[in-house]
Protein backbone atom coordinates (compact mmCIF):
# COMPACT_ATOMS: atom_id res chain seq x y z
CA ARG A 1 10.18 -0.29 -74.11
CA CYS A 2 8.86 1.96 -76.85
CA GLY A 3 11.66 1.02 -78.80
CA ALA A 4 15.34 2.60 -80.18
CA ALA A 5 16.05 5.90 -79.37
CA GLU A 6 15.93 7.89 -82.52
CA LEU A 7 18.44 10.50 -82.56
CA ARG A 8 18.93 13.24 -86.09
CA THR A 9 21.83 15.29 -86.13
CA ARG A 10 23.39 18.34 -87.61
CA VAL A 11 26.89 19.41 -87.88
CA ARG A 12 27.07 23.34 -88.82
CA THR A 13 29.93 25.14 -90.66
CA ASP A 14 30.75 26.16 -87.66
CA GLY A 15 31.43 23.02 -85.83
CA THR A 16 28.43 22.73 -83.59
CA VAL A 17 26.34 20.19 -83.51
CA TRP A 18 22.62 20.27 -82.97
CA VAL A 19 20.77 16.54 -81.60
CA ASP A 20 17.13 15.92 -81.80
CA VAL A 21 16.43 13.42 -79.65
CA ASN A 22 13.14 11.14 -80.01
CA ASN A 23 11.34 8.17 -78.53
CA VAL A 24 12.59 9.01 -75.07
CA ARG A 25 10.43 9.80 -72.09
CA GLY A 26 11.82 11.87 -69.06
CA LYS A 27 15.24 12.57 -68.18
CA ARG A 28 17.24 9.96 -70.39
CA CYS A 29 16.94 12.27 -73.53
CA GLU A 30 19.76 14.83 -71.13
CA GLU A 31 22.27 11.53 -70.65
CA ILE A 32 22.17 10.69 -74.28
CA VAL A 33 23.06 13.78 -75.24
CA SER A 34 25.35 14.84 -72.89
CA ASP A 35 27.39 11.31 -73.05
CA LEU A 36 27.27 12.26 -77.01
CA ALA A 37 28.60 15.49 -76.61
CA VAL A 38 31.18 13.78 -73.86
CA ALA A 39 32.68 10.94 -76.12
CA VAL A 40 33.19 13.73 -78.76
CA GLY A 41 34.94 16.13 -76.13
CA GLY A 42 32.56 18.77 -75.97
CA GLU A 43 29.66 20.01 -74.39
CA VAL A 44 26.04 20.76 -74.36
CA SER A 45 25.67 24.20 -74.87
CA GLU A 46 22.07 24.72 -74.73
CA MET A 47 18.97 22.45 -74.40
CA THR A 48 15.05 23.03 -75.05
CA LYS A 49 12.56 20.31 -73.60
CA LYS A 50 9.97 18.45 -75.38
CA ASP A 51 6.73 17.41 -74.35
CA SER A 52 8.02 13.70 -73.95
CA TYR A 53 10.36 14.68 -71.46
CA PHE A 54 7.91 15.43 -68.60
CA GLN A 55 6.32 12.26 -69.63
CA LEU A 56 7.70 9.08 -67.25
CA PRO A 57 8.91 5.84 -68.84
CA GLY A 58 5.85 3.73 -69.02
CA GLU A 59 3.04 6.18 -69.34
CA PRO A 60 0.97 6.28 -72.09
CA ALA A 61 1.70 9.08 -74.81
CA LYS A 62 -0.58 11.61 -75.34
CA ILE A 63 -1.79 11.53 -78.67
CA GLY A 64 -4.64 13.59 -80.44
CA VAL A 65 -7.97 12.11 -81.55
CA ARG A 66 -9.97 14.48 -83.94
CA VAL A 67 -13.95 13.05 -84.07
């Protein structure tokens, strides 16, 4: 609905991978990261939720307006 999910990743020298998911609301980001971990034979060890996690799909985005 709001465009494709955007994933930014960093592979660290110790082999761990950092994944940042954008343009996704609700629990869909957890599913994307979990599916990615399974695809590469890994597991999710830690997850930090952004504000967008707590928004429902289709809910208007919270924007800041400065007047």
